[in-house]
């Protein structure tokens, strides 16, 4: 099977608890190339992201404010091994939509 760059996660964060947005499947690795966070509300909201667990040692994006009606975008490279996780958290419930694009490699 051919490796395909695709949308691997999209959801509106419905609570202020950290959630696992993506877990690399067994026997695969992944390269994350784009993460977009959209604030669809009329007030600013914060967003935080971790790779490999939600402890401070795993923060890849500290609490960052996304303007009302605005968005934030990560365009870089995150390499992930099998079973590695990417977790996200909103500071306001139902305020942010997160979309992650990447490549799963077999």
N, C-alpha and C. Protein backbone atom coordinates (compact mmCIF):
# COMPACT_ATOMS: atom_id res chain seq x y z
N UNK A 1 0.84 -1.18 0.00
CA UNK A 1 0.00 0.00 0.00
C UNK A 1 0.88 1.24 0.00
N UNK A 2 0.46 2.26 -0.70
CA UNK A 2 1.20 3.51 -0.80
C UNK A 2 0.94 4.38 0.43
N UNK A 3 1.99 5.02 0.92
CA UNK A 3 1.84 5.96 2.02
C UNK A 3 1.19 7.23 1.47
N UNK A 4 0.16 7.74 2.18
CA UNK A 4 -0.60 8.88 1.68
C UNK A 4 -0.64 9.98 2.72
N UNK A 5 -0.32 11.20 2.29
CA UNK A 5 -0.47 12.38 3.14
C UNK A 5 -1.96 12.68 3.23
N UNK A 6 -2.50 12.77 4.45
CA UNK A 6 -3.94 12.97 4.58
C UNK A 6 -4.30 13.62 5.91
N UNK A 7 -5.59 13.94 6.04
CA UNK A 7 -6.12 14.45 7.30
C UNK A 7 -6.23 13.26 8.24
N UNK A 8 -5.54 13.32 9.38
CA UNK A 8 -5.58 12.19 10.31
C UNK A 8 -6.41 12.48 11.55
N UNK A 9 -6.83 13.73 11.72
CA UNK A 9 -7.68 14.07 12.88
C UNK A 9 -8.37 15.39 12.61
N UNK A 10 -9.64 15.46 12.96
CA UNK A 10 -10.36 16.74 12.97
C UNK A 10 -11.49 16.62 13.97
N UNK A 11 -11.55 17.58 14.89
CA UNK A 11 -12.61 17.57 15.89
C UNK A 11 -12.73 18.93 16.54
N UNK A 12 -13.91 19.22 17.04
CA UNK A 12 -14.11 20.39 17.88
C UNK A 12 -13.88 19.94 19.31
N UNK A 13 -13.05 20.65 20.04
CA UNK A 13 -12.77 20.30 21.43
C UNK A 13 -13.97 20.70 22.27
N UNK A 14 -14.60 19.72 22.92
CA UNK A 14 -15.86 19.96 23.63
C UNK A 14 -15.70 20.05 25.14
N UNK A 15 -14.47 19.99 25.62
CA UNK A 15 -14.23 20.18 27.05
C UNK A 15 -12.87 20.83 27.22
N UNK A 16 -12.55 21.14 28.46
CA UNK A 16 -11.25 21.75 28.73
C UNK A 16 -10.24 20.71 29.22
N UNK A 17 -10.58 19.43 29.11
CA UNK A 17 -9.66 18.36 29.46
C UNK A 17 -8.76 18.04 28.27
N UNK A 18 -7.54 17.62 28.54
CA UNK A 18 -6.64 17.19 27.48
C UNK A 18 -7.20 15.91 26.86
N UNK A 19 -7.13 15.81 25.53
CA UNK A 19 -7.57 14.61 24.82
C UNK A 19 -6.47 14.13 23.89
N UNK A 20 -6.42 12.84 23.69
CA UNK A 20 -5.48 12.28 22.73
C UNK A 20 -6.08 12.45 21.34
N UNK A 21 -5.46 13.30 20.54
CA UNK A 21 -5.96 13.57 19.20
C UNK A 21 -5.52 12.51 18.21
N UNK A 22 -4.35 11.92 18.44
CA UNK A 22 -3.83 10.96 17.47
C UNK A 22 -2.86 10.02 18.17
N UNK A 23 -2.97 8.76 17.82
CA UNK A 23 -2.03 7.73 18.26
C UNK A 23 -1.52 7.03 17.01
N UNK A 24 -0.22 6.95 16.85
CA UNK A 24 0.36 6.28 15.69
C UNK A 24 0.02 4.78 15.77
N UNK A 25 -0.55 4.22 14.71
CA UNK A 25 -0.89 2.79 14.73
C UNK A 25 0.34 1.90 14.89
N UNK A 26 0.10 0.69 15.37
CA UNK A 26 1.19 -0.29 15.53
C UNK A 26 1.85 -0.54 14.17
N UNK A 27 3.15 -0.78 14.21
CA UNK A 27 3.95 -1.09 13.02
C UNK A 27 4.00 0.05 12.01
N UNK A 28 3.71 1.25 12.44
CA UNK A 28 3.81 2.42 11.56
C UNK A 28 4.57 3.53 12.27
N UNK A 29 4.99 4.50 11.51
CA UNK A 29 5.50 5.75 12.06
C UNK A 29 4.73 6.86 11.35
N UNK A 30 4.86 8.08 11.83
CA UNK A 30 4.11 9.18 11.23
C UNK A 30 4.95 10.44 11.19
N UNK A 31 4.64 11.26 10.21
CA UNK A 31 5.22 12.60 10.11
C UNK A 31 4.05 13.57 10.07
N UNK A 32 3.98 14.42 11.06
CA UNK A 32 2.93 15.45 11.12
C UNK A 32 3.49 16.71 10.50
N UNK A 33 2.77 17.26 9.52
CA UNK A 33 3.25 18.43 8.79
C UNK A 33 2.42 19.68 9.00
N UNK A 34 1.15 19.52 9.40
CA UNK A 34 0.29 20.69 9.50
C UNK A 34 -0.74 20.47 10.60
N UNK A 35 -0.86 21.47 11.48
CA UNK A 35 -1.89 21.47 12.50
C UNK A 35 -2.54 22.85 12.47
N UNK A 36 -3.85 22.88 12.27
CA UNK A 36 -4.58 24.15 12.24
C UNK A 36 -5.60 24.14 13.37
N UNK A 37 -5.63 25.24 14.13
CA UNK A 37 -6.57 25.41 15.23
C UNK A 37 -7.42 26.64 14.91
N UNK A 38 -8.73 26.44 14.82
CA UNK A 38 -9.65 27.52 14.44
C UNK A 38 -10.56 27.84 15.62
N UNK A 39 -10.66 29.12 15.94
CA UNK A 39 -11.56 29.59 17.00
C UNK A 39 -12.81 30.15 16.34
N UNK A 40 -13.94 29.46 16.51
CA UNK A 40 -15.18 29.87 15.86
C UNK A 40 -16.06 30.73 16.75
N UNK A 41 -15.53 31.16 17.90
CA UNK A 41 -16.34 31.94 18.84
C UNK A 41 -15.99 33.42 18.76
N UNK A 42 -16.71 34.21 19.55
CA UNK A 42 -16.52 35.66 19.57
C UNK A 42 -15.55 36.11 20.66
N UNK A 43 -14.90 35.17 21.34
CA UNK A 43 -13.90 35.51 22.36
C UNK A 43 -12.64 34.69 22.14
N UNK A 44 -11.53 35.21 22.60
CA UNK A 44 -10.26 34.50 22.48
C UNK A 44 -10.30 33.21 23.30
N UNK A 45 -9.55 32.20 22.88
CA UNK A 45 -9.47 30.93 23.60
C UNK A 45 -8.03 30.43 23.54
N UNK A 46 -7.62 29.67 24.55
CA UNK A 46 -6.26 29.15 24.56
C UNK A 46 -6.23 27.70 24.09
N UNK A 47 -5.04 27.30 23.63
CA UNK A 47 -4.81 25.96 23.10
C UNK A 47 -3.44 25.50 23.53
N UNK A 48 -3.33 24.20 23.88
CA UNK A 48 -2.06 23.63 24.32
C UNK A 48 -1.91 22.26 23.66
N UNK A 49 -0.64 21.85 23.39
CA UNK A 49 -0.42 20.57 22.72
C UNK A 49 0.83 19.87 23.27
N UNK A 50 0.74 18.51 23.33
CA UNK A 50 1.84 17.68 23.83
C UNK A 50 2.10 16.54 22.86
N UNK A 51 3.32 16.05 22.86
CA UNK A 51 3.67 14.83 22.12
C UNK A 51 4.23 13.82 23.11
N UNK A 52 3.61 12.63 23.18
CA UNK A 52 4.12 11.56 24.02
C UNK A 52 3.61 11.56 25.45
N UNK A 53 2.64 12.37 25.79
CA UNK A 53 2.10 12.44 27.14
C UNK A 53 1.81 13.88 27.50
N UNK A 54 1.04 14.10 28.55
CA UNK A 54 0.61 15.46 28.86
C UNK A 54 1.43 16.15 29.95
N UNK A 55 2.56 15.61 30.31
CA UNK A 55 3.40 16.26 31.31
C UNK A 55 4.17 17.43 30.72
N UNK A 56 4.67 18.30 31.58
CA UNK A 56 5.40 19.48 31.14
C UNK A 56 6.60 19.14 30.26
N UNK A 57 7.21 18.00 30.47
CA UNK A 57 8.37 17.61 29.67
C UNK A 57 7.99 17.30 28.22
N UNK A 58 6.69 17.14 27.95
CA UNK A 58 6.23 16.77 26.60
C UNK A 58 5.53 17.89 25.85
N UNK A 59 5.51 19.09 26.42
CA UNK A 59 4.82 20.22 25.77
C UNK A 59 5.54 20.59 24.48
N UNK A 60 4.78 20.65 23.39
CA UNK A 60 5.35 21.16 22.14
C UNK A 60 4.73 22.50 21.76
N UNK A 61 3.62 22.85 22.40
CA UNK A 61 3.02 24.17 22.24
C UNK A 61 2.41 24.56 23.57
N UNK A 62 3.00 25.55 24.26
CA UNK A 62 2.43 25.97 25.55
C UNK A 62 1.09 26.66 25.32
N UNK A 63 0.38 26.95 26.39
CA UNK A 63 -0.92 27.63 26.27
C UNK A 63 -0.75 28.88 25.40
N UNK A 64 -1.44 28.87 24.27
CA UNK A 64 -1.33 29.92 23.27
C UNK A 64 -2.73 30.45 22.98
N UNK A 65 -2.89 31.77 22.94
CA UNK A 65 -4.19 32.36 22.69
C UNK A 65 -4.49 32.42 21.19
N UNK A 66 -5.70 31.99 20.85
CA UNK A 66 -6.20 32.09 19.47
C UNK A 66 -7.29 33.16 19.50
N UNK A 67 -7.12 34.22 18.72
CA UNK A 67 -8.07 35.33 18.70
C UNK A 67 -9.48 34.87 18.31
N UNK A 68 -10.48 35.61 18.75
CA UNK A 68 -11.86 35.36 18.37
C UNK A 68 -11.97 35.35 16.85
N UNK A 69 -12.57 34.31 16.29
CA UNK A 69 -12.73 34.22 14.84
C UNK A 69 -11.42 33.99 14.10
N UNK A 70 -10.35 33.70 14.82
CA UNK A 70 -9.04 33.53 14.19
C UNK A 70 -8.58 32.09 14.16
N UNK A 71 -7.32 31.93 13.79
CA UNK A 71 -6.74 30.59 13.74
C UNK A 71 -5.25 30.67 14.00
N UNK A 72 -4.70 29.54 14.39
CA UNK A 72 -3.27 29.37 14.54
C UNK A 72 -2.85 28.17 13.73
N UNK A 73 -1.63 28.20 13.21
CA UNK A 73 -1.20 27.11 12.35
C UNK A 73 0.22 26.70 12.67
N UNK A 74 0.43 25.39 12.75
CA UNK A 74 1.77 24.83 12.89
C UNK A 74 2.13 24.21 11.56
N UNK A 75 3.24 24.66 11.00
CA UNK A 75 3.76 24.04 9.78
C UNK A 75 5.22 23.76 10.04
N UNK A 76 5.49 22.52 10.32
CA UNK A 76 6.84 22.09 10.63
C UNK A 76 6.87 20.59 10.46
N UNK A 77 7.70 19.94 11.25
CA UNK A 77 7.79 18.49 11.17
C UNK A 77 7.81 17.92 12.57
N UNK A 78 6.87 17.02 12.85
CA UNK A 78 6.88 16.23 14.07
C UNK A 78 7.01 14.79 13.63
N UNK A 79 8.06 14.11 14.07
CA UNK A 79 8.20 12.70 13.76
C UNK A 79 7.69 11.89 14.94
N UNK A 80 6.96 10.82 14.62
CA UNK A 80 6.34 10.02 15.66
C UNK A 80 6.53 8.54 15.37
N UNK A 81 6.81 7.76 16.40
CA UNK A 81 6.97 6.31 16.29
C UNK A 81 5.65 5.61 16.64
N UNK A 82 5.59 4.32 16.36
CA UNK A 82 4.40 3.53 16.69
C UNK A 82 4.01 3.73 18.15
N UNK A 83 2.73 3.91 18.41
CA UNK A 83 2.13 4.11 19.73
C UNK A 83 2.38 5.50 20.33
N UNK A 84 3.15 6.35 19.66
CA UNK A 84 3.36 7.72 20.13
C UNK A 84 2.04 8.49 20.00
N UNK A 85 1.83 9.47 20.88
CA UNK A 85 0.57 10.20 20.90
C UNK A 85 0.77 11.70 20.72
N UNK A 86 -0.29 12.34 20.24
CA UNK A 86 -0.36 13.79 20.15
C UNK A 86 -1.63 14.18 20.89
N UNK A 87 -1.50 14.99 21.95
CA UNK A 87 -2.64 15.38 22.78
C UNK A 87 -2.86 16.88 22.68
N UNK A 88 -4.12 17.30 22.78
CA UNK A 88 -4.49 18.71 22.67
C UNK A 88 -5.44 19.09 23.80
N UNK A 89 -5.49 20.39 24.08
CA UNK A 89 -6.38 20.88 25.14
C UNK A 89 -6.81 22.30 24.83
N UNK A 90 -8.10 22.56 24.97
CA UNK A 90 -8.63 23.91 24.81
C UNK A 90 -8.85 24.53 26.17
N UNK A 91 -8.69 25.84 26.27
CA UNK A 91 -8.95 26.54 27.51
C UNK A 91 -10.42 26.85 27.69
N UNK A 92 -11.20 26.73 26.60
CA UNK A 92 -12.64 26.99 26.62
C UNK A 92 -13.34 25.87 25.86
N UNK A 93 -14.32 25.25 26.45
CA UNK A 93 -15.03 24.14 25.80
C UNK A 93 -15.76 24.62 24.55
N UNK A 94 -15.78 23.80 23.52
CA UNK A 94 -16.49 24.05 22.25
C UNK A 94 -16.05 25.32 21.55
N UNK A 95 -14.81 25.74 21.78
CA UNK A 95 -14.35 26.96 21.16
C UNK A 95 -13.41 26.72 20.00
N UNK A 96 -12.74 25.58 19.97
CA UNK A 96 -11.68 25.36 19.00
C UNK A 96 -11.90 24.09 18.17
N UNK A 97 -11.62 24.20 16.89
CA UNK A 97 -11.61 23.04 16.01
C UNK A 97 -10.17 22.78 15.61
N UNK A 98 -9.73 21.54 15.77
CA UNK A 98 -8.34 21.16 15.49
C UNK A 98 -8.33 20.21 14.29
N UNK A 99 -7.45 20.50 13.32
CA UNK A 99 -7.27 19.64 12.16
C UNK A 99 -5.78 19.32 12.03
N UNK A 100 -5.47 18.03 11.92
CA UNK A 100 -4.09 17.58 11.82
C UNK A 100 -3.92 16.81 10.50
N UNK A 101 -2.90 17.19 9.73
CA UNK A 101 -2.55 16.48 8.50
C UNK A 101 -1.17 15.88 8.64
N UNK A 102 -1.03 14.67 8.14
CA UNK A 102 0.25 14.01 8.23
C UNK A 102 0.36 12.81 7.32
N UNK A 103 1.45 12.10 7.47
CA UNK A 103 1.76 10.94 6.65
C UNK A 103 2.05 9.76 7.57
N UNK A 104 1.28 8.68 7.40
CA UNK A 104 1.56 7.44 8.12
C UNK A 104 2.43 6.57 7.21
N UNK A 105 3.51 6.06 7.77
CA UNK A 105 4.48 5.29 7.00
C UNK A 105 4.52 3.85 7.50
N UNK A 106 4.40 2.90 6.57
CA UNK A 106 4.45 1.50 6.94
C UNK A 106 5.85 0.94 6.77
